[in-house]
Every structure is written in C-alpha cells, then in structure tokens.
C-alpha atoms as a PDB file:
ATOM      1  CA  MET A   1      20.894 -23.350  20.277  1.00  0.00           C
ATOM      2  CA  THR A   2      20.324 -24.850  16.726  1.00  0.00           C
ATOM      3  CA  ILE A   3      18.990 -22.226  14.080  1.00  0.00           C
ATOM      4  CA  GLN A   4      16.407 -23.829  12.007  1.00  0.00           C
ATOM      5  CA  THR A   5      16.541 -23.304   8.288  1.00  0.00           C
ATOM      6  CA  ILE A   6      13.163 -21.861   7.182  1.00  0.00           C
ATOM      7  CA  ASP A   7      11.460 -23.498   4.246  1.00  0.00           C
ATOM      8  CA  PRO A   8      10.368 -20.530   2.057  1.00  0.00           C
ATOM      9  CA  ALA A   9       6.978 -22.160   1.366  1.00  0.00           C
ATOM     10  CA  LEU A  10       6.395 -22.687   4.965  1.00  0.00           C
ATOM     11  CA  PHE A  11       7.275 -19.123   5.796  1.00  0.00           C
ATOM     12  CA  ARG A  12       4.602 -17.751   3.251  1.00  0.00           C
ATOM     13  CA  GLN A  13       1.959 -20.030   4.437  1.00  0.00           C
ATOM     14  CA  ALA A  14       2.449 -18.905   7.927  1.00  0.00           C
ATOM     15  CA  MET A  15       2.533 -15.319   7.030  1.00  0.00           C
ATOM     16  CA  ALA A  16      -0.757 -15.768   5.030  1.00  0.00           C
ATOM     17  CA  SER A  17      -2.384 -16.788   8.397  1.00  0.00           C
ATOM     18  CA  PHE A  18      -2.120 -13.110   9.378  1.00  0.00           C
ATOM     19  CA  ALA A  19      -5.186 -11.226   7.970  1.00  0.00           C
ATOM     20  CA  SER A  20      -4.187  -7.856   6.807  1.00  0.00           C
ATOM     21  CA  GLY A  21      -5.701  -4.786   5.064  1.00  0.00           C
ATOM     22  CA  VAL A  22      -5.190  -4.200   1.242  1.00  0.00           C
ATOM     23  CA  THR A  23      -3.383  -0.914   0.488  1.00  0.00           C
ATOM     24  CA  VAL A  24      -2.416   0.606  -2.852  1.00  0.00           C
ATOM     25  CA  VAL A  25       0.445   2.991  -2.811  1.00  0.00           C
ATOM     26  CA  THR A  26       0.350   5.667  -5.631  1.00  0.00           C
ATOM     27  CA  THR A  27       2.832   8.316  -6.829  1.00  0.00           C
ATOM     28  CA  THR A  28       3.651   9.979 -10.049  1.00  0.00           C
ATOM     29  CA  ASP A  29       6.383   9.046 -12.604  1.00  0.00           C
ATOM     30  CA  GLU A  30       8.626  11.663 -14.254  1.00  0.00           C
ATOM     31  CA  ASP A  31       5.813  12.415 -16.993  1.00  0.00           C
ATOM     32  CA  GLY A  32       3.127  12.762 -14.283  1.00  0.00           C
ATOM     33  CA  ARG A  33       1.320   9.729 -14.877  1.00  0.00           C
ATOM     34  CA  MET A  34      -0.031   7.636 -11.865  1.00  0.00           C
ATOM     35  CA  VAL A  35       2.170   4.589 -11.134  1.00  0.00           C
ATOM     36  CA  GLY A  36       1.785   2.368  -7.915  1.00  0.00           C
ATOM     37  CA  PHE A  37       1.654  -0.966  -6.390  1.00  0.00           C
ATOM     38  CA  THR A  38      -0.745  -3.186  -4.106  1.00  0.00           C
ATOM     39  CA  ALA A  39       0.653  -3.816  -0.612  1.00  0.00           C
ATOM     40  CA  SER A  40      -0.600  -5.841   2.473  1.00  0.00           C
ATOM     41  CA  ALA A  41       2.800  -5.209   4.132  1.00  0.00           C
ATOM     42  CA  PHE A  42       1.636  -1.769   5.755  1.00  0.00           C
ATOM     43  CA  SER A  43       1.744  -0.443   9.399  1.00  0.00           C
ATOM     44  CA  SER A  44       1.507   2.632  11.628  1.00  0.00           C
ATOM     45  CA  LEU A  45       4.959   3.125  13.177  1.00  0.00           C
ATOM     46  CA  SER A  46       4.932   6.430  15.229  1.00  0.00           C
ATOM     47  CA  MET A  47       2.496   9.067  16.644  1.00  0.00           C
ATOM     48  CA  ASP A  48       4.965  11.662  17.132  1.00  0.00           C
ATOM     49  CA  PRO A  49       5.944  12.382  14.415  1.00  0.00           C
ATOM     50  CA  PRO A  50       3.133  10.588  12.391  1.00  0.00           C
ATOM     51  CA  LEU A  51       4.822   8.037  10.378  1.00  0.00           C
ATOM     52  CA  VAL A  52       3.645   4.795   8.607  1.00  0.00           C
ATOM     53  CA  LEU A  53       5.645   2.150   6.870  1.00  0.00           C
ATOM     54  CA  VAL A  54       4.741   0.201   3.567  1.00  0.00           C
ATOM     55  CA  CYS A  55       7.322  -2.433   2.121  1.00  0.00           C
ATOM     56  CA  PRO A  56       7.281  -2.741  -1.830  1.00  0.00           C
ATOM     57  CA  SER A  57       9.159  -5.522  -3.516  1.00  0.00           C
ATOM     58  CA  ARG A  58      12.655  -4.939  -4.171  1.00  0.00           C
ATOM     59  CA  THR A  59      11.529  -5.456  -8.095  1.00  0.00           C
ATOM     60  CA  SER A  60       8.782  -2.741  -7.996  1.00  0.00           C
ATOM     61  CA  ALA A  61       8.871  -0.582 -10.665  1.00  0.00           C
ATOM     62  CA  THR A  62       7.115   2.199  -8.529  1.00  0.00           C
ATOM     63  CA  TYR A  63       9.859   2.350  -5.889  1.00  0.00           C
ATOM     64  CA  PRO A  64      12.407   4.622  -7.928  1.00  0.00           C
ATOM     65  CA  HIS A  65       9.547   6.951  -8.612  1.00  0.00           C
ATOM     66  CA  LEU A  66       8.653   7.020  -5.168  1.00  0.00           C
ATOM     67  CA  VAL A  67      12.097   7.977  -3.896  1.00  0.00           C
ATOM     68  CA  ARG A  68      12.614  10.557  -6.684  1.00  0.00           C
ATOM     69  CA  GLY A  69       9.455  12.275  -6.078  1.00  0.00           C
ATOM     70  CA  GLU A  70       9.586  11.917  -2.102  1.00  0.00           C
ATOM     71  CA  ARG A  71       5.787  11.782  -1.817  1.00  0.00           C
ATOM     72  CA  PHE A  72       3.328   9.214  -2.111  1.00  0.00           C
ATOM     73  CA  ALA A  73      -0.509   8.278  -1.057  1.00  0.00           C
ATOM     74  CA  ILE A  74      -1.484   5.148   0.704  1.00  0.00           C
ATOM     75  CA  HIS A  75      -5.051   4.013   0.019  1.00  0.00           C
ATOM     76  CA  ILE A  76      -6.747   1.641   2.517  1.00  0.00           C
ATOM     77  CA  LEU A  77      -9.146  -0.090  -0.038  1.00  0.00           C
ATOM     78  CA  ALA A  78     -12.856  -0.358   0.624  1.00  0.00           C
ATOM     79  CA  ALA A  79     -14.876  -3.368   0.295  1.00  0.00           C
ATOM     80  CA  GLY A  80     -15.566  -3.940  -3.374  1.00  0.00           C
ATOM     81  CA  GLN A  81     -12.104  -2.714  -4.722  1.00  0.00           C
ATOM     82  CA  GLN A  82     -10.536  -5.989  -5.497  1.00  0.00           C
ATOM     83  CA  ASP A  83     -10.313  -4.821  -9.047  1.00  0.00           C
ATOM     84  CA  VAL A  84      -8.317  -1.846  -8.067  1.00  0.00           C
ATOM     85  CA  ALA A  85      -6.003  -4.123  -5.900  1.00  0.00           C
ATOM     86  CA  MET A  86      -5.513  -6.500  -8.821  1.00  0.00           C
ATOM     87  CA  ALA A  87      -4.802  -3.820 -11.182  1.00  0.00           C
ATOM     88  CA  PHE A  88      -1.997  -2.445  -9.134  1.00  0.00           C
ATOM     89  CA  ALA A  89      -0.696  -5.930  -8.346  1.00  0.00           C
ATOM     90  CA  SER A  90      -0.189  -6.669 -11.987  1.00  0.00           C
ATOM     91  CA  LYS A  91       3.129  -5.831 -13.805  1.00  0.00           C
ATOM     92  CA  GLY A  92       3.461  -3.585 -16.930  1.00  0.00           C
ATOM     93  CA  ALA A  93       3.737  -0.112 -17.690  1.00  0.00           C
ATOM     94  CA  ASP A  94       0.059   0.556 -18.550  1.00  0.00           C
ATOM     95  CA  LYS A  95      -1.450  -1.564 -15.781  1.00  0.00           C
ATOM     96  CA  VAL A  96      -3.454   1.208 -14.250  1.00  0.00           C
ATOM     97  CA  ALA A  97      -3.928   3.702 -17.407  1.00  0.00           C
ATOM     98  CA  ALA A  98      -7.601   3.255 -17.470  1.00  0.00           C
ATOM     99  CA  LEU A  99      -8.279   4.012 -13.822  1.00  0.00           C
ATOM    100  CA  ALA A 100      -9.813   7.200 -12.946  1.00  0.00           C
ATOM    101  CA  PHE A 101      -7.824   9.427 -10.244  1.00  0.00           C
ATOM    102  CA  SER A 102      -7.556  12.950  -9.232  1.00  0.00           C
ATOM    103  CA  VAL A 103      -4.500  14.973  -8.068  1.00  0.00           C
ATOM    104  CA  SER A 104      -4.349  16.166  -4.485  1.00  0.00           C
ATOM    105  CA  ASP A 105      -3.006  19.556  -3.559  1.00  0.00           C
ATOM    106  CA  LEU A 106       0.207  17.763  -2.375  1.00  0.00           C
ATOM    107  CA  GLY A 107       0.503  16.273  -5.970  1.00  0.00           C
ATOM    108  CA  ASN A 108      -0.246  12.722  -5.098  1.00  0.00           C
ATOM    109  CA  PRO A 109      -2.679  10.837  -7.472  1.00  0.00           C
ATOM    110  CA  ILE A 110      -5.707   9.862  -5.412  1.00  0.00           C
ATOM    111  CA  LEU A 111      -8.174   6.796  -6.353  1.00  0.00           C
ATOM    112  CA  PRO A 112     -11.738   7.282  -5.668  1.00  0.00           C
ATOM    113  CA  GLY A 113     -13.624   5.183  -3.049  1.00  0.00           C
ATOM    114  CA  ALA A 114     -10.861   4.169  -0.723  1.00  0.00           C
ATOM    115  CA  THR A 115     -11.808   3.867   3.011  1.00  0.00           C
ATOM    116  CA  ALA A 116      -8.748   6.076   3.961  1.00  0.00           C
ATOM    117  CA  VAL A 117      -6.133   7.866   1.976  1.00  0.00           C
ATOM    118  CA  ILE A 118      -2.964   8.916   3.865  1.00  0.00           C
ATOM    119  CA  GLU A 119      -0.868  11.261   2.058  1.00  0.00           C
ATOM    120  CA  CYS A 120       3.013  11.122   2.833  1.00  0.00           C
ATOM    121  CA  ARG A 121       6.298  12.598   2.570  1.00  0.00           C
ATOM    122  CA  LEU A 122       9.300  10.199   2.194  1.00  0.00           C
ATOM    123  CA  TRP A 123      10.877  10.116   5.605  1.00  0.00           C
ATOM    124  CA  LYS A 124      13.334   7.254   5.105  1.00  0.00           C
ATOM    125  CA  ASP A 125      13.855   3.997   3.266  1.00  0.00           C
ATOM    126  CA  TYR A 126      15.721   0.933   4.304  1.00  0.00           C
ATOM    127  CA  ASP A 127      16.883  -2.487   3.063  1.00  0.00           C
ATOM    128  CA  GLY A 128      14.583  -5.250   3.929  1.00  0.00           C
ATOM    129  CA  GLY A 129      15.833  -8.418   2.235  1.00  0.00           C
ATOM    130  CA  ASP A 130      13.642  -8.891  -0.969  1.00  0.00           C
ATOM    131  CA  HIS A 131      11.598  -6.007  -0.057  1.00  0.00           C
ATOM    132  CA  LEU A 132      12.173  -2.316   0.904  1.00  0.00           C
ATOM    133  CA  ILE A 133      10.883  -0.466   3.952  1.00  0.00           C
ATOM    134  CA  VAL A 134       9.596   2.787   3.201  1.00  0.00           C
ATOM    135  CA  VAL A 135       8.814   5.108   5.998  1.00  0.00           C
ATOM    136  CA  GLY A 136       6.334   8.076   5.130  1.00  0.00           C
ATOM    137  CA  GLU A 137       5.662  11.040   7.332  1.00  0.00           C
ATOM    138  CA  VAL A 138       1.955  11.773   7.274  1.00  0.00           C
ATOM    139  CA  GLN A 139       1.200  14.934   5.821  1.00  0.00           C
ATOM    140  CA  ARG A 140      -2.719  14.582   5.344  1.00  0.00           C
ATOM    141  CA  ILE A 141      -5.523  12.003   5.939  1.00  0.00           C
ATOM    142  CA  ASP A 142      -8.815  11.710   4.391  1.00  0.00           C
ATOM    143  CA  GLN A 143     -11.181   8.844   5.652  1.00  0.00           C
ATOM    144  CA  GLN A 144     -14.586   7.618   5.162  1.00  0.00           C
ATOM    145  CA  ASP A 145     -16.834   5.275   7.053  1.00  0.00           C
ATOM    146  CA  GLY A 146     -17.273   1.783   5.668  1.00  0.00           C
ATOM    147  CA  ALA A 147     -16.238  -1.783   5.116  1.00  0.00           C
ATOM    148  CA  VAL A 148     -12.553  -2.685   4.060  1.00  0.00           C
ATOM    149  CA  LEU A 149     -10.904  -5.108   1.869  1.00  0.00           C
ATOM    150  CA  LEU A 150      -8.899  -7.924   3.676  1.00  0.00           C
ATOM    151  CA  TYR A 151      -6.323 -10.265   2.422  1.00  0.00           C
ATOM    152  CA  HIS A 152      -6.084 -13.591   4.199  1.00  0.00           C
ATOM    153  CA  ARG A 153      -4.684 -17.100   2.848  1.00  0.00           C
ATOM    154  CA  GLY A 154      -4.181 -15.759  -0.523  1.00  0.00           C
ATOM    155  CA  LYS A 155      -7.560 -14.378  -0.988  1.00  0.00           C
ATOM    156  CA  MET A 156      -9.275 -11.018  -0.710  1.00  0.00           C
ATOM    157  CA  SER A 157     -12.475 -10.576   0.871  1.00  0.00           C
ATOM    158  CA  ASP A 158     -14.807  -7.728   2.087  1.00  0.00           C
ATOM    159  CA  HIS A 159     -15.104  -7.111   5.804  1.00  0.00           C
ATOM    160  CA  GLY A 160     -17.912  -5.060   7.142  1.00  0.00           C
ATOM    161  CA  ALA A 161     -17.644  -2.164   9.529  1.00  0.00           C
ATOM    162  CA  GLU A 162     -19.018  -2.597  13.042  1.00  0.00           C
ATOM    163  CA  VAL A 163     -21.305  -0.062  14.162  1.00  0.00           C
ATOM    164  CA  VAL A 164     -20.596   1.218  17.649  1.00  0.00           C
ATOM    165  CA  ALA A 165     -23.604   2.538  19.710  1.00  0.00           C
END
C-alpha cells in the first residue's frame, strides 16, 4: 500500500467541508485578565466522567495560561456573535480588553449571550501536531435556547434552532 503525500491546501479544503459550531475558550492570565481563543475544533469526549476536548494552536498565547490555571470556560457562540468570534481569533495582548464579561464562582471569565457555557477543570493535555489537545472535565453547564453560530468553508453563519413539538 502506498501512502499518499497530503497537500496541506487540499487537507484544509476537505476539512472546511465539515460544518462545525464556533466556540470561544476563556481563562485568566496571571493578572486576572481575560484571555482566550476561538476554536471550531471542539467535541464531547466522554459521559463518565463528563469530558470535552478543544484544540488550540500550538502558537496560542492562551494555552500556557489555561494549563497554569487548570480551568477554563468553553462558550458555544450564539447566532449574531461573529464579532466575539473574530475578536478572540485575532492576535495581540489587548484583543479582547473592551469586551464585557463576568467571573463565575469557579473563577472563569464568562461572556454574555452564548448558547451554552461549559466550565471545565483541566483533565489532561496532549500533543496534536501543530495543535494541542486539551481535555477538560466538565464542572458546570449553563445553556440557553436559541440559534447558534456555524463555521463552514471559511465563513461564519447563523443557524436557527429548530422547534420540536
């Protein structure tokens, strides 16, 4: 069997065919300021114990703070929160300084308006090539009904929630 060399552009294009939700992961730095990143690489992992995974880039400035603090919040963004996703996707120390947030009882920065917020304790982290695989043990969930933000083929779009009778 011959192993095919995969063209990175082709791989990116194929992965872009898979629609995913848009999440923002937040934690705090050593000075208590909110830091975070936008991630579409997010998934549930286990029901017992309740585990989720999220995959930051190896170059993420947030990753060292997440590991140091051993806690973080994953926000599943609601429809209309493209500006929040873009703020956290940008680079720079002050990229989110103007955003409003509160601090939960668990010490995580919480953004308003998300469809769901999943607060985690760092369970384990692993190497994942040019990304890292962060596994969080779910400590608290807060969720709201409503439409969500999706990422597909390089674009974000709102997806309405279906009403089940």
